[in-house]
Amino acid sequence: MRVNLVRKERSMFETEMKRESVSTKPSMFEKVLVSMDLSPATEALVSALPGLSAFGTREITIVHVAKPIRGSTSEALATVDEIRGRLNGLVDQLREVGFEVSVRVPIGAPIPEVLKAVETKDPDLVMVGSRSHTLISDAFIGSVAWDIVRKAGRPVLLQRIEPNRGDPEAALQSPGSGLPKHVVFPTDFSDTAERAHPWLLELAKENGPSFSLLHVLSSVSDEGRKAAERRLEELAAALRERGATEVGYRVTIGTPYEEILNAGGNRVDAMVVMGTHGRGLLPGVVLGSVGRQMVRHASARVLLLPGSESEG
């Protein structure tokens, strides 16, 4: 199905542009690479892009990987030109609100080509669309996003894309964009998890989101619980000092992804921030079946932070 990005998305996009303009504040993610497949879900992803300004984004690179074509070089170039033409309207609208925008349309396999673009453009963040409550996007989320997290060493934002009604055939929308109203931070106290602290502190300065700090274990002693609570309280105090007015924390026993959902991962206006390597349960499951269940079922956006090679 061909997606007319300009006509179908213009009203939704313009609504978001009225809410957001390119920020002059310090940037969390100044350079963002957005991976698009030009499916119907892309229309919803497009509508979320103006919200990147809330994170201080100034430069956006749009990447669409075209399938190899069995034919002449001229046919391949014509296909690339057609794709670029379909993206031009989006590019123009993003530029109107102050973003610097570039488009890359390599031909080949999605994973290697997206990773090449990441290496070349050196973004602070990679953004991809994600459908929850479905297996439709599992092949994409299970490959491109995870491989970016593992291999590219960049944060990856999974932007939620949902039907706007209960009807599965309804038009898709991206219900959360801009700064989240609630942030869920599950931590195992690893180095990877602690690398999320600067981003959490930056979010706290915005005087907007509430925070839920979470440590999940299969079992815990009283001594272990108290030690974990002390560490969570230290982070909570730092967030309050930066301006957060509502910070809660909890040490609990249970299934990690279910506890994350209960803490706010099931809210469309929330963001889950989590590491992908480290000690304990959470990082180990992020790239495994439990973590994929959380990503698949959460309604919140999910920001996955890569660990160092030593942690992997």
Protein backbone atom coordinates (compact mmCIF):
# COMPACT_ATOMS: atom_id res chain seq x y z
CA MET A 1 0.00 0.00 0.00
CA ARG A 2 1.35 3.39 -0.97
CA VAL A 3 1.25 5.98 1.77
CA ASN A 4 0.63 9.60 0.81
CA LEU A 5 2.59 11.16 3.64
CA VAL A 6 1.72 14.72 2.70
CA ARG A 7 -2.04 14.49 2.15
CA LYS A 8 -3.02 11.90 4.78
CA GLU A 9 -0.89 13.28 7.56
CA ARG A 10 -1.04 17.00 6.98
CA SER A 11 -3.82 17.90 9.42
CA MET A 12 -2.40 15.72 12.22
CA PHE A 13 1.12 16.97 11.54
CA GLU A 14 0.06 20.63 11.51
CA THR A 15 -1.75 20.15 14.83
CA GLU A 16 1.48 18.91 16.38
CA MET A 17 3.48 21.75 14.81
CA LYS A 18 1.24 24.26 16.57
CA ARG A 19 2.14 22.64 19.89
CA GLU A 20 5.86 22.26 19.28
CA SER A 21 8.60 24.43 17.85
CA VAL A 22 12.29 23.76 17.70
CA SER A 23 13.66 24.40 21.17
CA THR A 24 16.50 26.70 22.12
CA LYS A 25 17.13 24.87 25.41
CA PRO A 26 20.03 22.45 26.00
CA SER A 27 19.51 19.27 24.02
CA MET A 28 18.99 15.76 25.31
CA PHE A 29 18.93 14.40 21.77
CA GLU A 30 20.15 17.06 19.36
CA LYS A 31 20.56 14.68 16.42
CA VAL A 32 17.90 12.03 15.79
CA LEU A 33 17.83 9.33 13.13
CA VAL A 34 14.30 8.13 12.27
CA SER A 35 13.91 4.76 10.57
CA MET A 36 10.80 4.60 8.36
CA ASP A 37 9.37 1.80 6.23
CA LEU A 38 6.61 3.85 4.50
CA SER A 39 3.91 1.48 5.74
CA PRO A 40 0.55 2.85 6.97
CA ALA A 41 2.08 2.97 10.45
CA THR A 42 4.54 5.56 9.16
CA GLU A 43 1.72 8.10 8.94
CA ALA A 44 1.37 7.95 12.71
CA LEU A 45 5.13 8.08 13.25
CA VAL A 46 5.26 11.22 11.12
CA SER A 47 2.80 12.97 13.42
CA ALA A 48 5.10 12.42 16.42
CA LEU A 49 8.19 14.02 14.89
CA PRO A 50 7.41 17.66 15.86
CA GLY A 51 7.40 16.48 19.48
CA LEU A 52 11.13 15.82 19.23
CA SER A 53 11.67 19.55 19.70
CA ALA A 54 10.76 19.08 23.37
CA PHE A 55 13.97 17.05 23.72
CA GLY A 56 16.03 19.81 22.12
CA THR A 57 16.27 18.04 18.77
CA ARG A 58 17.57 20.23 15.97
CA GLU A 59 18.64 17.75 13.30
CA ILE A 60 16.57 14.85 11.94
CA THR A 61 17.79 12.22 9.50
CA ILE A 62 15.06 10.13 7.88
CA VAL A 63 16.19 6.71 6.67
CA HIS A 64 14.16 4.42 4.44
CA VAL A 65 15.87 1.27 3.18
CA ALA A 66 14.63 0.37 -0.30
CA LYS A 67 14.41 -3.26 -1.31
CA PRO A 68 16.95 -4.44 -3.90
CA ILE A 69 15.48 -4.32 -7.41
CA ARG A 70 16.17 -6.92 -10.04
CA GLY A 71 16.68 -4.67 -12.98
CA SER A 72 18.85 -1.96 -14.41
CA THR A 73 20.65 0.71 -12.46
CA SER A 74 18.29 3.29 -13.93
CA GLU A 75 15.29 1.40 -12.53
CA ALA A 76 16.87 1.30 -9.07
CA LEU A 77 17.62 5.02 -9.19
CA ALA A 78 14.07 5.74 -10.32
CA THR A 79 12.74 3.85 -7.30
CA VAL A 80 14.96 5.83 -4.95
CA ASP A 81 13.84 9.08 -6.56
CA GLU A 82 10.19 8.07 -6.14
CA ILE A 83 10.71 7.36 -2.43
CA ARG A 84 12.50 10.66 -1.96
CA GLY A 85 9.63 12.41 -3.69
CA ARG A 86 7.14 10.84 -1.29
CA LEU A 87 9.22 12.09 1.63
CA ASN A 88 9.76 15.63 0.36
CA GLY A 89 6.49 16.97 1.76
CA LEU A 90 7.40 15.69 5.21
CA VAL A 91 10.88 17.17 4.94
CA ASP A 92 9.50 20.57 3.95
CA GLN A 93 7.08 20.64 6.88
CA LEU A 94 9.80 19.73 9.36
CA ARG A 95 12.04 22.44 7.96
CA GLU A 96 9.23 24.98 8.33
CA VAL A 97 9.37 24.58 12.12
CA GLY A 98 13.16 24.88 12.21
CA PHE A 99 14.53 21.34 12.00
CA GLU A 100 17.52 20.57 9.85
CA VAL A 101 16.39 17.54 7.85
CA SER A 102 18.15 15.09 5.55
CA VAL A 103 16.92 11.94 3.83
CA ARG A 104 18.84 8.74 3.13
CA VAL A 105 17.40 6.03 0.87
CA PRO A 106 19.97 3.22 0.66
CA ILE A 107 19.17 0.00 -1.20
CA GLY A 108 19.73 -3.28 0.62
CA ALA A 109 18.87 -5.17 3.79
CA PRO A 110 17.30 -3.02 6.56
CA ILE A 111 19.58 -3.91 9.47
CA PRO A 112 22.99 -3.35 7.82
CA GLU A 113 21.84 -0.22 6.02
CA VAL A 114 20.28 1.38 9.11
CA LEU A 115 23.43 0.60 11.08
CA LYS A 116 25.56 2.16 8.33
CA ALA A 117 23.43 5.29 8.52
CA VAL A 118 23.82 5.35 12.30
CA GLU A 119 27.59 5.10 11.96
CA THR A 120 27.73 7.83 9.32
CA LYS A 121 25.33 10.33 10.90
CA ASP A 122 26.33 9.65 14.53
CA PRO A 123 22.91 10.47 16.03
CA ASP A 124 22.21 10.91 19.73
CA LEU A 125 19.01 8.86 19.36
CA VAL A 126 17.46 6.40 16.92
CA MET A 127 13.66 6.44 16.67
CA VAL A 128 11.49 3.64 15.27
CA GLY A 129 7.75 2.99 15.30
CA SER A 130 6.35 0.17 17.41
CA ARG A 131 2.90 -1.43 17.52
CA SER A 132 1.92 -2.84 20.91
CA HIS A 133 -0.57 -5.66 21.55
CA THR A 134 0.34 -7.21 18.21
CA LEU A 135 2.88 -9.41 16.50
CA ILE A 136 2.75 -7.40 13.27
CA SER A 137 5.88 -5.39 14.01
CA ASP A 138 7.71 -8.08 15.96
CA ALA A 139 9.97 -8.94 13.05
CA PHE A 140 11.04 -5.30 12.78
CA ILE A 141 11.28 -4.60 16.48
CA GLY A 142 12.93 -7.96 17.05
CA SER A 143 15.64 -7.26 14.53
CA VAL A 144 16.35 -3.65 13.62
CA ALA A 145 15.77 -2.05 17.02
CA TRP A 146 17.52 -4.76 19.01
CA ASP A 147 20.48 -4.84 16.63
CA ILE A 148 20.79 -1.06 16.86
CA VAL A 149 20.81 -1.29 20.65
CA ARG A 150 23.37 -4.09 20.65
CA LYS A 151 25.63 -2.96 17.83
CA ALA A 152 25.32 0.79 17.36
CA GLY A 153 25.79 1.93 20.95
CA ARG A 154 22.95 4.48 20.69
CA PRO A 155 19.73 5.00 22.65
CA VAL A 156 16.69 3.72 20.75
CA LEU A 157 13.22 5.22 21.22
CA LEU A 158 10.33 2.92 20.37
CA GLN A 159 7.52 5.32 19.46
CA ARG A 160 4.10 3.83 20.09
CA ILE A 161 1.70 3.50 17.15
CA GLU A 162 -1.88 2.44 17.88
CA PRO A 163 -5.34 2.31 16.28
CA ASN A 164 -7.25 5.43 17.30
CA ARG A 165 -10.33 3.30 18.04
CA GLY A 166 -11.03 -0.27 19.07
CA ASP A 167 -11.46 -1.13 15.39
CA PRO A 168 -8.25 -2.89 14.24
CA GLU A 169 -8.82 -1.48 10.74
CA ALA A 170 -9.01 2.10 12.01
CA ALA A 171 -6.41 4.66 11.09
CA LEU A 172 -3.29 4.53 13.23
CA GLN A 173 -2.06 7.28 15.51
CA SER A 174 0.89 7.95 17.76
CA PRO A 175 -0.72 8.93 21.08
CA GLY A 176 2.44 10.05 22.88
CA SER A 177 4.88 12.69 21.68
CA GLY A 178 6.95 15.42 23.24
CA LEU A 179 7.88 15.19 26.87
CA PRO A 180 6.20 12.35 28.78
CA LYS A 181 3.87 13.06 31.69
CA HIS A 182 5.18 10.05 33.57
CA VAL A 183 8.57 8.29 33.52
CA VAL A 184 9.10 4.70 34.64
CA PHE A 185 12.70 3.77 35.42
CA PRO A 186 13.32 0.09 36.24
CA THR A 187 16.87 -0.31 37.50
CA ASP A 188 19.17 -3.10 38.60
CA PHE A 189 21.78 -0.55 39.79
CA SER A 190 24.20 -1.62 37.04
CA ASP A 191 26.51 0.81 35.25
CA THR A 192 24.14 0.73 32.28
CA ALA A 193 21.19 1.73 34.44
CA GLU A 194 23.18 4.53 36.07
CA ARG A 195 24.03 5.95 32.65
CA ALA A 196 20.34 6.81 32.37
CA HIS A 197 20.57 9.18 35.34
CA PRO A 198 21.61 12.29 33.34
CA TRP A 199 18.59 11.88 31.06
CA LEU A 200 16.29 11.39 34.03
CA LEU A 201 17.70 14.49 35.69
CA GLU A 202 17.23 16.48 32.48
CA LEU A 203 13.60 15.39 32.32
CA ALA A 204 13.12 16.41 35.96
CA LYS A 205 14.15 19.97 35.09
CA GLU A 206 11.11 20.32 32.84
CA ASN A 207 8.73 20.43 35.84
CA GLY A 208 6.40 18.09 34.00
CA PRO A 209 6.75 14.34 34.44
CA SER A 210 6.16 12.33 37.54
CA PHE A 211 8.60 9.47 38.18
CA SER A 212 8.28 5.85 39.25
CA LEU A 213 11.59 4.20 40.20
CA LEU A 214 11.46 0.42 40.29
CA HIS A 215 13.70 -2.45 41.37
CA VAL A 216 12.33 -5.96 40.67
CA LEU A 217 13.73 -9.18 42.10
CA SER A 218 12.69 -12.83 42.18
CA SER A 219 13.29 -12.80 45.95
CA VAL A 220 14.75 -10.33 48.43
CA SER A 221 15.82 -10.29 52.05
CA ASP A 222 14.95 -7.47 54.43
CA GLU A 223 18.54 -6.31 54.26
CA GLY A 224 18.54 -6.41 50.46
CA ARG A 225 15.26 -4.53 50.30
CA LYS A 226 16.52 -1.77 52.60
CA ALA A 227 19.74 -1.43 50.59
CA ALA A 228 17.78 -1.14 47.34
CA GLU A 229 15.39 1.39 48.86
CA ARG A 230 18.33 3.53 50.00
CA ARG A 231 19.71 3.63 46.47
CA LEU A 232 16.33 4.47 44.99
CA GLU A 233 15.84 7.23 47.57
CA GLU A 234 19.20 8.74 46.59
CA LEU A 235 18.06 8.98 42.97
CA ALA A 236 14.63 10.25 44.03
CA ALA A 237 16.27 13.01 46.07
CA ALA A 238 18.41 14.02 43.09
CA LEU A 239 15.32 14.20 40.88
CA ARG A 240 13.49 16.34 43.43
CA GLU A 241 16.47 18.64 43.68
CA ARG A 242 16.32 19.14 39.91
CA GLY A 243 12.66 20.11 40.08
CA ALA A 244 10.59 16.93 40.03
CA THR A 245 7.57 17.31 42.31
CA GLU A 246 6.26 13.75 42.23
CA VAL A 247 8.73 10.88 42.63
CA GLY A 248 7.84 7.43 43.90
CA TYR A 249 9.96 4.32 44.24
CA ARG A 250 9.37 0.67 44.99
CA VAL A 251 11.31 -2.54 45.57
CA THR A 252 9.14 -5.50 44.66
CA ILE A 253 9.12 -9.21 43.92
CA GLY A 254 7.45 -10.27 40.70
CA THR A 255 7.63 -10.61 36.95
CA PRO A 256 9.68 -7.69 35.62
CA TYR A 257 7.62 -6.72 32.60
CA GLU A 258 4.34 -6.95 34.52
CA GLU A 259 5.71 -4.75 37.30
CA ILE A 260 6.90 -2.23 34.73
CA LEU A 261 3.43 -2.12 33.18
CA ASN A 262 1.83 -1.70 36.60
CA ALA A 263 4.20 1.18 37.43
CA GLY A 264 3.02 3.16 34.41
CA GLY A 265 4.17 1.27 31.35
CA ASN A 266 0.53 0.84 30.36
CA ARG A 267 0.01 4.63 30.08
CA VAL A 268 0.08 6.20 26.62
CA ASP A 269 1.44 9.44 28.10
CA ALA A 270 4.37 7.70 29.81
CA MET A 271 7.91 6.69 28.87
CA VAL A 272 9.79 3.65 30.14
CA VAL A 273 13.55 4.22 30.35
CA MET A 274 15.62 1.07 30.72
CA GLY A 275 19.07 -0.38 30.12
CA THR A 276 19.82 -3.38 27.95
CA HIS A 277 22.73 -5.03 29.77
CA GLY A 278 23.90 -5.45 33.33
CA ARG A 279 23.46 -7.58 36.42
CA GLY A 280 20.21 -8.98 37.70
CA LEU A 281 16.91 -9.74 36.01
CA LEU A 282 15.95 -6.63 34.10
CA PRO A 283 18.86 -6.19 31.69
CA GLY A 284 19.04 -9.90 31.01
CA VAL A 285 15.44 -10.03 29.86
CA VAL A 286 15.37 -6.86 27.79
CA LEU A 287 16.88 -8.68 24.82
CA GLY A 288 15.00 -11.88 25.71
CA SER A 289 11.42 -13.06 25.72
CA VAL A 290 10.24 -11.22 28.85
CA GLY A 291 11.62 -7.89 27.70
CA ARG A 292 10.04 -8.34 24.30
CA GLN A 293 6.72 -9.02 26.01
CA MET A 294 7.06 -5.75 27.90
CA VAL A 295 7.88 -3.85 24.71
CA ARG A 296 5.05 -5.58 22.86
CA HIS A 297 2.38 -4.94 25.48
CA ALA A 298 3.37 -1.56 26.91
CA SER A 299 1.36 1.44 25.77
CA ALA A 300 4.15 3.81 26.81
CA ARG A 301 7.06 4.82 24.66
CA VAL A 302 10.18 2.85 25.51
CA LEU A 303 13.68 4.34 25.59
CA LEU A 304 16.29 1.57 25.45
CA LEU A 305 19.79 2.54 26.55
CA PRO A 306 22.77 0.45 25.40
CA GLY A 307 25.35 -0.90 27.79
CA SER A 308 29.09 -0.96 27.34
CA GLU A 309 30.80 -3.89 25.64
CA SER A 310 32.13 -5.03 29.00
CA GLU A 311 28.57 -5.37 30.27
CA GLY A 312 27.33 -7.21 27.21
